[in-house]
Amino acid sequence: MTRETRLHCISAPAAAAVVAEATRPGDTTHTVRQDGEHVVIGYHDPRFPMDVAEWAHANGHAHDAQAAEVIVNVQLGW
């Protein structure tokens, strides 16, 4: 079963940058897509959305609170 979580970015261009970086061609288990200022992250391995959120924060595309929210949600299984 693939789960999804959402990362709120600082802008739509920031979300696009995250999607461009995190897209894995051919990987249908771990996916990213843009929804305005959000990145919708589909995952099977919980490390994937945590890595995406951490990268987005480290590169100025998401605030620390939004990245932390993704990490907490994944750890809690939401």
N, C-alpha and C. Protein backbone atom coordinates (compact mmCIF):
# COMPACT_ATOMS: atom_id res chain seq x y z
N MET A 1 0.84 -1.18 0.00
CA MET A 1 0.00 0.00 0.00
C MET A 1 0.89 1.25 0.00
N THR A 2 0.62 2.15 -0.92
CA THR A 2 1.36 3.40 -0.98
C THR A 2 0.63 4.45 -0.16
N ARG A 3 1.38 5.12 0.69
CA ARG A 3 0.82 6.21 1.51
C ARG A 3 1.18 7.53 0.86
N GLU A 4 0.50 8.60 1.29
CA GLU A 4 0.82 9.93 0.81
C GLU A 4 0.90 10.90 1.98
N THR A 5 1.75 11.89 1.82
CA THR A 5 1.83 13.00 2.75
C THR A 5 2.07 14.26 1.92
N ARG A 6 1.83 15.41 2.53
CA ARG A 6 1.97 16.68 1.81
C ARG A 6 2.99 17.56 2.51
N LEU A 7 3.81 18.21 1.70
CA LEU A 7 4.79 19.18 2.19
C LEU A 7 4.39 20.54 1.67
N HIS A 8 4.16 21.49 2.56
CA HIS A 8 3.85 22.86 2.16
C HIS A 8 5.16 23.60 1.95
N CYS A 9 5.34 24.13 0.75
CA CYS A 9 6.55 24.87 0.41
C CYS A 9 6.30 26.37 0.50
N ILE A 10 7.35 27.15 0.37
CA ILE A 10 7.21 28.60 0.52
C ILE A 10 6.54 29.26 -0.68
N SER A 11 6.50 28.57 -1.82
CA SER A 11 5.86 29.11 -3.02
C SER A 11 5.65 27.98 -4.03
N ALA A 12 4.87 28.28 -5.05
CA ALA A 12 4.68 27.29 -6.12
C ALA A 12 6.00 27.00 -6.85
N PRO A 13 6.83 28.01 -7.14
CA PRO A 13 8.12 27.68 -7.77
C PRO A 13 9.02 26.82 -6.86
N ALA A 14 8.94 27.03 -5.56
CA ALA A 14 9.72 26.21 -4.63
C ALA A 14 9.22 24.77 -4.67
N ALA A 15 7.92 24.59 -4.71
CA ALA A 15 7.35 23.23 -4.81
C ALA A 15 7.80 22.57 -6.11
N ALA A 16 7.82 23.34 -7.20
CA ALA A 16 8.27 22.79 -8.48
C ALA A 16 9.73 22.35 -8.41
N ALA A 17 10.55 23.11 -7.70
CA ALA A 17 11.96 22.74 -7.54
C ALA A 17 12.11 21.44 -6.75
N VAL A 18 11.28 21.28 -5.73
CA VAL A 18 11.33 20.05 -4.93
C VAL A 18 10.91 18.85 -5.79
N VAL A 19 9.85 19.03 -6.56
CA VAL A 19 9.39 17.94 -7.43
C VAL A 19 10.48 17.57 -8.44
N ALA A 20 11.11 18.59 -9.02
CA ALA A 20 12.17 18.33 -10.01
C ALA A 20 13.32 17.55 -9.39
N GLU A 21 13.68 17.87 -8.16
CA GLU A 21 14.80 17.19 -7.49
C GLU A 21 14.43 15.78 -7.04
N ALA A 22 13.19 15.61 -6.56
CA ALA A 22 12.82 14.34 -5.92
C ALA A 22 12.22 13.31 -6.87
N THR A 23 11.92 13.70 -8.09
CA THR A 23 11.32 12.76 -9.03
C THR A 23 12.30 11.64 -9.36
N ARG A 24 11.79 10.42 -9.28
CA ARG A 24 12.59 9.23 -9.61
C ARG A 24 11.96 8.56 -10.82
N PRO A 25 12.46 8.84 -12.02
CA PRO A 25 11.86 8.23 -13.21
C PRO A 25 11.79 6.70 -13.09
N GLY A 26 10.63 6.17 -13.40
CA GLY A 26 10.44 4.73 -13.36
C GLY A 26 10.04 4.18 -12.00
N ASP A 27 10.13 4.99 -10.95
CA ASP A 27 9.75 4.53 -9.60
C ASP A 27 8.29 4.87 -9.37
N THR A 28 7.44 3.85 -9.35
CA THR A 28 6.01 4.08 -9.15
C THR A 28 5.62 3.95 -7.68
N THR A 29 6.55 3.56 -6.84
CA THR A 29 6.29 3.41 -5.41
C THR A 29 6.55 4.71 -4.66
N HIS A 30 7.56 5.45 -5.07
CA HIS A 30 7.92 6.70 -4.42
C HIS A 30 7.75 7.81 -5.44
N THR A 31 6.72 8.63 -5.26
CA THR A 31 6.36 9.63 -6.25
C THR A 31 6.24 11.01 -5.62
N VAL A 32 6.35 12.01 -6.43
CA VAL A 32 6.11 13.40 -6.01
C VAL A 32 5.34 14.09 -7.13
N ARG A 33 4.42 14.94 -6.72
CA ARG A 33 3.69 15.75 -7.68
C ARG A 33 3.35 17.07 -7.02
N GLN A 34 3.21 18.09 -7.83
CA GLN A 34 2.94 19.42 -7.31
C GLN A 34 1.45 19.68 -7.27
N ASP A 35 1.01 20.33 -6.20
CA ASP A 35 -0.36 20.81 -6.06
C ASP A 35 -0.25 22.23 -5.51
N GLY A 36 -0.04 23.19 -6.39
CA GLY A 36 0.15 24.58 -5.97
C GLY A 36 1.43 24.73 -5.18
N GLU A 37 1.31 25.19 -3.93
CA GLU A 37 2.47 25.36 -3.06
C GLU A 37 2.81 24.09 -2.30
N HIS A 38 2.12 23.01 -2.58
CA HIS A 38 2.35 21.74 -1.89
C HIS A 38 3.02 20.72 -2.81
N VAL A 39 3.77 19.84 -2.18
CA VAL A 39 4.31 18.67 -2.86
C VAL A 39 3.62 17.47 -2.23
N VAL A 40 2.96 16.68 -3.04
CA VAL A 40 2.29 15.47 -2.58
C VAL A 40 3.29 14.34 -2.78
N ILE A 41 3.65 13.69 -1.69
CA ILE A 41 4.70 12.67 -1.71
C ILE A 41 4.05 11.30 -1.48
N GLY A 42 4.16 10.44 -2.46
CA GLY A 42 3.70 9.06 -2.32
C GLY A 42 4.88 8.18 -1.95
N TYR A 43 4.65 7.29 -1.00
CA TYR A 43 5.80 6.51 -0.52
C TYR A 43 5.40 5.15 0.02
N HIS A 44 6.34 4.27 -0.03
CA HIS A 44 6.24 2.96 0.60
C HIS A 44 7.25 2.90 1.75
N ASP A 45 8.42 3.44 1.50
CA ASP A 45 9.49 3.51 2.51
C ASP A 45 9.42 4.90 3.16
N PRO A 46 9.19 4.98 4.46
CA PRO A 46 9.03 6.28 5.12
C PRO A 46 10.26 7.18 5.06
N ARG A 47 11.40 6.62 4.71
CA ARG A 47 12.59 7.47 4.59
C ARG A 47 12.47 8.44 3.42
N PHE A 48 11.74 8.05 2.37
CA PHE A 48 11.63 8.90 1.19
C PHE A 48 11.01 10.26 1.51
N PRO A 49 9.81 10.35 2.10
CA PRO A 49 9.26 11.68 2.37
C PRO A 49 10.09 12.46 3.39
N MET A 50 10.72 11.76 4.32
CA MET A 50 11.57 12.47 5.27
C MET A 50 12.78 13.07 4.57
N ASP A 51 13.36 12.34 3.63
CA ASP A 51 14.49 12.85 2.85
C ASP A 51 14.06 14.04 1.99
N VAL A 52 12.88 13.94 1.37
CA VAL A 52 12.38 15.03 0.54
C VAL A 52 12.17 16.28 1.39
N ALA A 53 11.54 16.12 2.54
CA ALA A 53 11.28 17.26 3.42
C ALA A 53 12.58 17.88 3.92
N GLU A 54 13.53 17.05 4.30
CA GLU A 54 14.81 17.55 4.78
C GLU A 54 15.54 18.31 3.67
N TRP A 55 15.54 17.77 2.45
CA TRP A 55 16.20 18.44 1.33
C TRP A 55 15.52 19.77 1.04
N ALA A 56 14.18 19.77 1.04
CA ALA A 56 13.44 21.00 0.76
C ALA A 56 13.78 22.09 1.77
N HIS A 57 13.86 21.72 3.03
CA HIS A 57 14.21 22.70 4.06
C HIS A 57 15.65 23.16 3.90
N ALA A 58 16.56 22.25 3.72
CA ALA A 58 17.98 22.59 3.61
C ALA A 58 18.27 23.50 2.42
N ASN A 59 17.43 23.42 1.40
CA ASN A 59 17.63 24.22 0.20
C ASN A 59 16.70 25.44 0.12
N GLY A 60 16.04 25.75 1.23
CA GLY A 60 15.23 26.96 1.31
C GLY A 60 13.88 26.90 0.63
N HIS A 61 13.38 25.71 0.34
CA HIS A 61 12.09 25.58 -0.35
C HIS A 61 10.92 25.37 0.62
N ALA A 62 11.21 25.03 1.86
CA ALA A 62 10.17 24.83 2.88
C ALA A 62 10.72 25.28 4.23
N HIS A 63 9.83 25.82 5.04
CA HIS A 63 10.23 26.23 6.39
C HIS A 63 10.44 24.99 7.26
N ASP A 64 11.18 25.16 8.33
CA ASP A 64 11.47 24.02 9.21
C ASP A 64 10.22 23.41 9.79
N ALA A 65 9.22 24.21 10.12
CA ALA A 65 7.99 23.68 10.70
C ALA A 65 7.25 22.77 9.72
N GLN A 66 7.24 23.15 8.44
CA GLN A 66 6.55 22.33 7.45
C GLN A 66 7.32 21.03 7.20
N ALA A 67 8.63 21.10 7.16
CA ALA A 67 9.43 19.88 7.00
C ALA A 67 9.24 18.97 8.21
N ALA A 68 9.24 19.55 9.39
CA ALA A 68 9.05 18.76 10.61
C ALA A 68 7.67 18.11 10.64
N GLU A 69 6.67 18.80 10.12
CA GLU A 69 5.32 18.24 10.08
C GLU A 69 5.28 16.96 9.23
N VAL A 70 5.97 16.97 8.11
CA VAL A 70 6.03 15.78 7.26
C VAL A 70 6.70 14.64 8.03
N ILE A 71 7.81 14.93 8.66
CA ILE A 71 8.55 13.91 9.39
C ILE A 71 7.71 13.30 10.50
N VAL A 72 7.04 14.14 11.27
CA VAL A 72 6.18 13.66 12.36
C VAL A 72 5.03 12.83 11.81
N ASN A 73 4.37 13.33 10.77
CA ASN A 73 3.25 12.60 10.20
C ASN A 73 3.65 11.22 9.69
N VAL A 74 4.82 11.15 9.06
CA VAL A 74 5.30 9.85 8.56
C VAL A 74 5.61 8.92 9.74
N GLN A 75 6.25 9.45 10.76
CA GLN A 75 6.60 8.62 11.90
C GLN A 75 5.36 8.12 12.63
N LEU A 76 4.29 8.93 12.63
CA LEU A 76 3.05 8.52 13.29
C LEU A 76 2.16 7.66 12.39
N GLY A 77 2.55 7.58 11.11
CA GLY A 77 1.77 6.76 10.17
C GLY A 77 0.53 7.45 9.64
N TRP A 78 0.51 8.78 9.65
CA TRP A 78 -0.67 9.51 9.13
C TRP A 78 -0.60 9.65 7.66
